[in-house]
Amino acid sequence: MLEVSELLKKVRRIEIVAKRAVNEFFSGQYKSVFKGRGMEFNEVREYQAGDDIRSIDWNVTARAGKPFIKRFVEERELTIIFLIDISGSGIFGTNRSKIETAIEVAATLMFSALKNNDKVGLITFADNVIDYHRPRKSKANVLQLIRELLVIEPVARHTDLRAVLDYVNRVQKRRAVIFLLSDFLVSGVVDDFVQENTGTGNGFNELLAKENGGWKTNNPDLISSFFNSQYTTTQRTTKIKSPQEKSISITSRKHDLVAMRLFDQREKEFPNVGLITVEDAETGELVEVDTANANIRKILAQQQFAGEKRITETLKRCRVDQMSIETSHDYLTDLLRFFRRRKKT
């Protein structure tokens, strides 16, 4: 647990970095890509030459004896809710962990929302909802949410997107902008690439076990979660949606859902460091892997690539805006690129 003085220093540092990013990089970008709920009535005024006759308020016109028109303004106020995955896989990262990256990205977007006078809320989750902070306005609220995130300890549990998405759909009745920050290593979103290509249930595990000279674990599916993921081992078809995918689709229709996938480069390129013992952060189980074996590194890379492809395809099918954020990369550049791309669509 952080000391109070250390916590305040971290909050202040993140506040300074986030504010600078908002002022220097995202001025106008945030407002232009996230729209309000529509048009709301503002006032009536007397008709002037050139006004659209379709705007005439006939009730007021009848009472006043001369034409009046209705005027509307865009309802700019937004409700922004951050869903942040704090499962055990968030501790992974070479220079900066995935959960640390998620906090900095969320803080930047929170200050963007604050500058736009939007409400900001937060939900943390793993296999279920951990904590919920309902959307509020004010700088004090944003700073409080950042403090809450900084004292979070990732929990050694798997990720269940269905639980958190169903929850936000229940508590947030009106349309909102939902930022979902996770590594998306979730059963029902990512599938075993060998099983999908060959139809063999645990073919991936068997192939890797053969290369690795046998397991030092009682869990035959552990290597399928080698990077703290929970890959399914059941056959899927494009006609059947998993419960997780159904929840993503429903949330995407009700809200403006933005998926931000966090990853570390070491999840793609496993280094040659000889025989090592790897621990699954979400189960605590151990497995010894011979990373000097080129075939093992190749198989792990293929597994990771297949998982990323599945995530991208699933989100695309659900019509969810998505972006990837690498832990060691400049996330400000990623955010700016995302804003510009979204503005064009």
Protein backbone atom coordinates (compact mmCIF):
# COMPACT_ATOMS: atom_id res chain seq x y z
CA MET A 1 0.00 0.00 0.00
CA LEU A 2 1.34 3.43 -0.92
CA GLU A 3 2.07 5.97 1.82
CA VAL A 4 -0.19 9.03 1.72
CA SER A 5 2.65 11.38 0.74
CA GLU A 6 3.83 9.03 -2.01
CA LEU A 7 0.27 8.61 -3.28
CA LEU A 8 -0.25 12.38 -3.46
CA LYS A 9 3.01 12.77 -5.39
CA LYS A 10 1.89 10.13 -7.91
CA VAL A 11 -1.51 11.77 -8.29
CA ARG A 12 0.14 15.13 -8.85
CA ARG A 13 2.58 13.71 -11.41
CA ILE A 14 -0.21 12.03 -13.37
CA GLU A 15 -2.31 15.21 -13.18
CA ILE A 16 0.54 17.30 -14.63
CA VAL A 17 1.30 14.81 -17.42
CA ALA A 18 -2.38 14.33 -18.31
CA LYS A 19 -3.18 18.05 -18.32
CA ARG A 20 -0.18 18.79 -20.52
CA ALA A 21 -1.26 16.09 -22.96
CA VAL A 22 -4.81 17.47 -23.07
CA ASN A 23 -3.66 21.04 -23.64
CA GLU A 24 -0.89 20.30 -26.15
CA PHE A 25 -2.16 17.28 -28.07
CA PHE A 26 -5.88 16.81 -27.67
CA SER A 27 -7.22 20.35 -27.77
CA GLY A 28 -10.45 20.04 -29.79
CA GLN A 29 -9.81 16.39 -30.72
CA TYR A 30 -11.84 14.88 -27.89
CA LYS A 31 -14.79 17.21 -28.40
CA SER A 32 -14.94 16.60 -32.13
CA VAL A 33 -14.99 12.79 -32.01
CA PHE A 34 -17.40 12.18 -29.13
CA LYS A 35 -20.84 13.58 -29.80
CA GLY A 36 -23.60 14.53 -27.40
CA ARG A 37 -26.94 12.77 -27.17
CA GLY A 38 -28.55 14.98 -29.80
CA MET A 39 -30.33 18.35 -29.98
CA GLU A 40 -32.18 19.95 -27.09
CA PHE A 41 -34.63 22.83 -27.08
CA ASN A 42 -33.08 26.21 -26.25
CA GLU A 43 -35.60 29.02 -26.90
CA VAL A 44 -38.22 30.49 -29.22
CA ARG A 45 -37.70 33.74 -31.07
CA GLU A 46 -39.59 35.77 -33.62
CA TYR A 47 -39.37 34.57 -37.20
CA GLN A 48 -36.83 36.38 -39.40
CA ALA A 49 -36.48 36.38 -43.18
CA GLY A 50 -34.45 33.36 -44.24
CA ASP A 51 -35.40 31.15 -41.28
CA ASP A 52 -36.45 27.58 -42.06
CA ILE A 53 -40.27 27.50 -41.99
CA ARG A 54 -40.06 23.93 -40.64
CA SER A 55 -38.81 25.45 -37.35
CA ILE A 56 -41.97 27.48 -36.81
CA ASP A 57 -43.62 26.83 -33.42
CA TRP A 58 -47.27 26.92 -34.42
CA ASN A 59 -48.62 26.98 -30.86
CA VAL A 60 -46.61 30.08 -29.92
CA THR A 61 -47.35 31.64 -33.31
CA ALA A 62 -51.12 31.19 -32.75
CA ARG A 63 -50.99 32.76 -29.31
CA ALA A 64 -48.74 35.69 -30.33
CA GLY A 65 -50.43 36.40 -33.62
CA LYS A 66 -47.09 36.46 -35.44
CA PRO A 67 -44.63 33.71 -36.40
CA PHE A 68 -42.08 32.35 -33.91
CA ILE A 69 -39.53 29.60 -34.44
CA LYS A 70 -37.93 27.03 -32.12
CA ARG A 71 -34.18 27.11 -31.62
CA PHE A 72 -32.14 24.07 -30.63
CA VAL A 73 -28.57 23.54 -29.47
CA GLU A 74 -26.49 20.39 -29.45
CA GLU A 75 -26.61 18.63 -26.09
CA ARG A 76 -22.85 18.42 -25.53
CA GLU A 77 -22.74 16.97 -22.04
CA LEU A 78 -21.47 13.41 -22.11
CA THR A 79 -21.26 10.66 -19.57
CA ILE A 80 -17.88 8.92 -19.71
CA ILE A 81 -17.37 5.60 -17.93
CA PHE A 82 -14.06 3.76 -17.69
CA LEU A 83 -14.08 -0.03 -17.35
CA ILE A 84 -10.62 -1.07 -16.18
CA ASP A 85 -9.49 -4.70 -16.01
CA ILE A 86 -7.51 -5.30 -12.79
CA SER A 87 -7.07 -9.07 -13.15
CA GLY A 88 -3.66 -10.62 -12.45
CA SER A 89 -2.47 -10.37 -16.06
CA GLY A 90 -2.28 -6.59 -15.58
CA ILE A 91 0.98 -6.89 -13.62
CA PHE A 92 2.87 -8.01 -16.74
CA GLY A 93 5.11 -5.52 -18.49
CA THR A 94 8.77 -4.99 -19.29
CA ASN A 95 9.22 -1.24 -18.69
CA ARG A 96 5.71 -0.43 -17.48
CA SER A 97 2.95 -2.84 -16.52
CA LYS A 98 -0.36 -3.04 -18.35
CA ILE A 99 -2.28 -1.74 -15.33
CA GLU A 100 0.09 1.25 -14.98
CA THR A 101 -0.42 2.03 -18.66
CA ALA A 102 -4.19 1.74 -18.27
CA ILE A 103 -4.14 4.23 -15.37
CA GLU A 104 -2.15 6.83 -17.32
CA VAL A 105 -4.34 6.47 -20.42
CA ALA A 106 -7.51 6.71 -18.33
CA ALA A 107 -6.22 9.79 -16.47
CA THR A 108 -5.49 11.58 -19.75
CA LEU A 109 -8.98 10.88 -21.04
CA MET A 110 -10.53 11.86 -17.70
CA PHE A 111 -8.93 15.31 -17.87
CA SER A 112 -10.11 15.62 -21.48
CA ALA A 113 -13.64 14.90 -20.25
CA LEU A 114 -13.22 17.35 -17.38
CA LYS A 115 -12.21 20.12 -19.79
CA ASN A 116 -15.35 19.39 -21.79
CA ASN A 117 -17.52 19.54 -18.63
CA ASP A 118 -18.51 15.86 -18.93
CA LYS A 119 -19.40 13.43 -16.16
CA VAL A 120 -16.77 10.77 -15.41
CA GLY A 121 -17.34 7.38 -13.77
CA LEU A 122 -15.24 4.29 -13.13
CA ILE A 123 -15.78 0.54 -12.84
CA THR A 124 -12.94 -1.84 -11.94
CA PHE A 125 -13.39 -5.53 -12.64
CA ALA A 126 -11.81 -8.96 -13.03
CA ASP A 127 -14.03 -12.05 -12.96
CA ASN A 128 -16.73 -9.75 -11.58
CA VAL A 129 -17.26 -6.09 -10.81
CA ILE A 130 -14.88 -4.99 -8.04
CA ASP A 131 -15.89 -1.35 -7.52
CA TYR A 132 -18.22 1.21 -9.06
CA HIS A 133 -17.95 5.00 -8.88
CA ARG A 134 -20.98 6.63 -10.46
CA PRO A 135 -20.39 9.41 -13.02
CA ARG A 136 -19.89 12.90 -11.59
CA LYS A 137 -18.54 16.24 -12.71
CA SER A 138 -15.68 18.18 -11.09
CA LYS A 139 -11.94 18.06 -10.80
CA ALA A 140 -12.24 16.63 -7.29
CA ASN A 141 -14.05 13.61 -8.71
CA VAL A 142 -11.35 12.98 -11.36
CA LEU A 143 -8.55 13.24 -8.78
CA GLN A 144 -10.42 10.87 -6.49
CA LEU A 145 -10.78 8.30 -9.28
CA ILE A 146 -7.06 8.53 -10.07
CA ARG A 147 -6.25 8.00 -6.38
CA GLU A 148 -8.50 4.94 -6.33
CA LEU A 149 -6.71 3.50 -9.37
CA LEU A 150 -3.23 4.11 -7.95
CA VAL A 151 -3.90 2.04 -4.82
CA ILE A 152 -5.38 -0.88 -6.74
CA GLU A 153 -3.65 -4.24 -6.43
CA PRO A 154 -4.34 -6.53 -9.43
CA VAL A 155 -6.26 -9.60 -8.29
CA ALA A 156 -5.29 -13.15 -9.23
CA ARG A 157 -8.52 -13.87 -11.03
CA HIS A 158 -9.48 -14.26 -14.66
CA THR A 159 -11.26 -11.63 -16.76
CA ASP A 160 -14.99 -11.83 -17.41
CA LEU A 161 -16.16 -9.14 -19.82
CA ARG A 162 -19.74 -10.34 -19.71
CA ALA A 163 -20.05 -9.58 -15.99
CA VAL A 164 -18.85 -5.98 -16.25
CA LEU A 165 -20.68 -5.18 -19.50
CA ASP A 166 -23.97 -6.56 -18.21
CA TYR A 167 -23.45 -4.51 -15.05
CA VAL A 168 -22.80 -1.22 -16.86
CA ASN A 169 -25.87 -1.81 -19.03
CA ARG A 170 -27.97 -2.15 -15.87
CA VAL A 171 -26.65 0.87 -13.98
CA GLN A 172 -26.25 3.24 -16.95
CA LYS A 173 -29.63 3.66 -18.59
CA ARG A 174 -28.80 6.66 -20.80
CA ARG A 175 -26.29 6.44 -23.64
CA ALA A 176 -22.68 6.95 -22.53
CA VAL A 177 -19.15 6.73 -23.90
CA ILE A 178 -17.57 3.57 -22.48
CA PHE A 179 -13.79 3.14 -22.50
CA LEU A 180 -12.93 -0.52 -21.93
CA LEU A 181 -9.25 -0.95 -20.99
CA SER A 182 -8.14 -4.58 -20.86
CA ASP A 183 -5.70 -7.05 -22.39
CA PHE A 184 -8.80 -8.97 -23.60
CA LEU A 185 -7.27 -12.32 -22.66
CA VAL A 186 -10.71 -13.74 -22.12
CA SER A 187 -12.40 -17.07 -22.65
CA GLY A 188 -14.92 -16.72 -25.45
CA VAL A 189 -13.03 -13.92 -27.18
CA VAL A 190 -9.73 -15.70 -27.84
CA ASP A 191 -9.51 -19.31 -29.03
CA ASP A 192 -6.68 -21.83 -29.31
CA PHE A 193 -5.26 -21.35 -32.82
CA VAL A 194 -4.26 -25.00 -33.26
CA GLN A 195 -7.67 -26.24 -32.19
CA GLU A 196 -9.37 -23.77 -34.52
CA ASN A 197 -7.19 -24.69 -37.51
CA THR A 198 -7.09 -28.44 -36.97
CA GLY A 199 -10.11 -29.20 -34.81
CA THR A 200 -7.93 -31.03 -32.27
CA GLY A 201 -8.92 -30.23 -28.70
CA ASN A 202 -5.61 -29.81 -26.90
CA GLY A 203 -3.38 -30.09 -29.98
CA PHE A 204 -1.52 -26.94 -29.06
CA ASN A 205 -0.66 -28.23 -25.60
CA GLU A 206 0.39 -31.60 -26.97
CA LEU A 207 2.61 -30.02 -29.63
CA LEU A 208 4.28 -27.70 -27.17
CA ALA A 209 4.67 -30.44 -24.56
CA LYS A 210 6.47 -32.59 -27.14
CA GLU A 211 8.87 -29.76 -27.96
CA ASN A 212 9.38 -28.88 -24.30
CA GLY A 213 10.10 -32.43 -23.18
CA GLY A 214 7.05 -32.77 -20.91
CA TRP A 215 5.34 -30.59 -18.33
CA LYS A 216 6.16 -29.82 -14.71
CA THR A 217 2.50 -29.06 -13.97
CA ASN A 218 -0.75 -30.92 -13.32
CA ASN A 219 -2.73 -28.53 -15.50
CA PRO A 220 -2.63 -29.58 -19.19
CA ASP A 221 -4.21 -26.28 -20.23
CA LEU A 222 -1.74 -24.06 -18.41
CA ILE A 223 0.37 -23.32 -21.47
CA SER A 224 -2.77 -22.16 -23.26
CA SER A 225 -2.78 -19.39 -20.66
CA PHE A 226 0.97 -18.92 -20.92
CA PHE A 227 0.62 -15.16 -21.06
CA ASN A 228 -2.06 -15.11 -18.33
CA SER A 229 -4.86 -15.71 -20.85
CA GLN A 230 -7.83 -18.05 -20.70
CA TYR A 231 -8.15 -19.61 -24.11
CA THR A 232 -11.20 -21.74 -24.80
CA THR A 233 -10.87 -25.35 -25.88
CA THR A 234 -14.28 -25.77 -27.44
CA GLN A 235 -15.08 -25.66 -31.15
CA ARG A 236 -16.65 -22.43 -32.38
CA THR A 237 -18.38 -21.46 -35.55
CA THR A 238 -19.17 -18.01 -36.92
CA LYS A 239 -22.88 -18.72 -36.40
CA ILE A 240 -22.57 -19.10 -32.62
CA LYS A 241 -21.63 -16.17 -30.41
CA SER A 242 -20.06 -16.73 -27.02
CA PRO A 243 -21.74 -15.07 -23.99
CA GLN A 244 -18.86 -12.59 -23.89
CA GLU A 245 -19.38 -11.62 -27.52
CA LYS A 246 -23.12 -11.21 -27.02
CA SER A 247 -22.51 -8.79 -24.16
CA ILE A 248 -20.04 -6.80 -26.27
CA SER A 249 -22.61 -6.52 -29.07
CA ILE A 250 -25.40 -5.38 -26.74
CA THR A 251 -23.20 -2.77 -25.08
CA SER A 252 -22.02 -1.49 -28.45
CA ARG A 253 -25.62 -0.90 -29.52
CA LYS A 254 -26.62 0.84 -26.28
CA HIS A 255 -23.48 2.93 -25.80
CA ASP A 256 -20.49 4.32 -27.64
CA LEU A 257 -18.07 1.52 -26.72
CA VAL A 258 -14.34 2.01 -27.30
CA ALA A 259 -12.07 -1.01 -26.73
CA MET A 260 -8.47 -0.27 -25.75
CA ARG A 261 -6.35 -3.42 -25.82
CA LEU A 262 -3.22 -3.29 -23.69
CA PHE A 263 -0.27 -5.50 -24.53
CA ASP A 264 3.47 -5.83 -23.99
CA GLN A 265 5.95 -6.58 -26.76
CA ARG A 266 7.30 -9.55 -24.75
CA GLU A 267 3.95 -11.22 -25.27
CA LYS A 268 4.71 -11.30 -28.98
CA GLU A 269 8.42 -11.99 -28.98
CA PHE A 270 9.52 -14.36 -26.25
CA PRO A 271 13.28 -13.98 -25.57
CA ASN A 272 15.87 -16.75 -25.74
CA VAL A 273 16.90 -16.94 -22.09
CA GLY A 274 17.26 -20.69 -21.65
CA LEU A 275 15.25 -22.84 -19.24
CA ILE A 276 12.92 -20.71 -17.11
CA THR A 277 10.01 -21.20 -14.74
CA VAL A 278 6.93 -19.17 -15.61
CA GLU A 279 4.09 -18.41 -13.20
CA ASP A 280 0.53 -17.72 -14.29
CA ALA A 281 -0.38 -14.53 -12.42
CA GLU A 282 -4.06 -15.48 -12.30
CA THR A 283 -3.76 -19.13 -11.16
CA GLY A 284 -0.37 -19.24 -9.43
CA GLU A 285 0.61 -22.36 -11.36
CA LEU A 286 4.15 -22.89 -12.59
CA VAL A 287 5.59 -24.40 -15.75
CA GLU A 288 9.16 -24.82 -16.93
CA VAL A 289 9.82 -23.77 -20.53
CA ASP A 290 12.93 -24.18 -22.62
CA THR A 291 13.07 -20.81 -24.37
CA ALA A 292 16.30 -21.79 -26.13
CA ASN A 293 14.18 -24.03 -28.35
CA ALA A 294 13.37 -22.02 -31.49
CA ASN A 295 10.28 -24.14 -32.19
CA ILE A 296 8.83 -23.30 -28.76
CA ARG A 297 9.34 -19.59 -29.34
CA LYS A 298 7.72 -19.92 -32.76
CA ILE A 299 4.70 -21.80 -31.36
CA LEU A 300 4.21 -19.21 -28.60
CA ALA A 301 4.42 -16.39 -31.15
CA GLN A 302 1.83 -18.14 -33.34
CA GLN A 303 -0.47 -18.58 -30.36
CA GLN A 304 -0.21 -14.91 -29.49
CA PHE A 305 -0.78 -13.80 -33.09
CA ALA A 306 -3.86 -16.02 -33.36
CA GLY A 307 -5.20 -14.57 -30.12
CA GLU A 308 -4.75 -11.00 -31.31
CA LYS A 309 -6.48 -11.82 -34.58
CA ARG A 310 -9.44 -13.34 -32.75
CA ILE A 311 -9.79 -10.27 -30.52
CA THR A 312 -9.69 -7.89 -33.50
CA GLU A 313 -12.21 -9.93 -35.49
CA THR A 314 -14.60 -10.25 -32.54
CA LEU A 315 -14.60 -6.52 -31.81
CA LYS A 316 -15.00 -5.73 -35.49
CA ARG A 317 -18.00 -8.07 -35.74
CA CYS A 318 -19.54 -6.29 -32.77
CA ARG A 319 -18.92 -2.91 -34.46
CA VAL A 320 -16.72 -1.67 -31.63
CA ASP A 321 -14.12 1.05 -32.15
CA GLN A 322 -10.79 -0.39 -31.07
CA MET A 323 -7.17 0.57 -30.60
CA SER A 324 -4.06 -1.19 -29.30
CA ILE A 325 -1.72 0.33 -26.74
CA GLU A 326 1.73 -1.11 -26.10
CA THR A 327 3.07 -0.65 -22.57
CA SER A 328 6.47 0.67 -23.66
CA HIS A 329 5.11 2.83 -26.49
CA ASP A 330 4.07 6.49 -26.42
CA TYR A 331 0.34 6.11 -25.76
CA LEU A 332 -0.25 9.81 -26.54
CA THR A 333 0.66 9.13 -30.16
CA ASP A 334 -1.70 6.14 -30.18
CA LEU A 335 -4.54 8.22 -28.75
CA LEU A 336 -4.00 11.07 -31.21
CA ARG A 337 -3.94 8.63 -34.13
CA PHE A 338 -7.17 7.06 -32.86
CA PHE A 339 -8.90 10.45 -32.52
CA ARG A 340 -7.90 11.46 -36.05
CA ARG A 341 -9.03 8.15 -37.51
CA ARG A 342 -12.35 8.29 -35.71
CA LYS A 343 -12.94 11.88 -36.79
CA LYS A 344 -12.78 10.81 -40.44
CA THR A 345 -15.43 8.09 -40.05
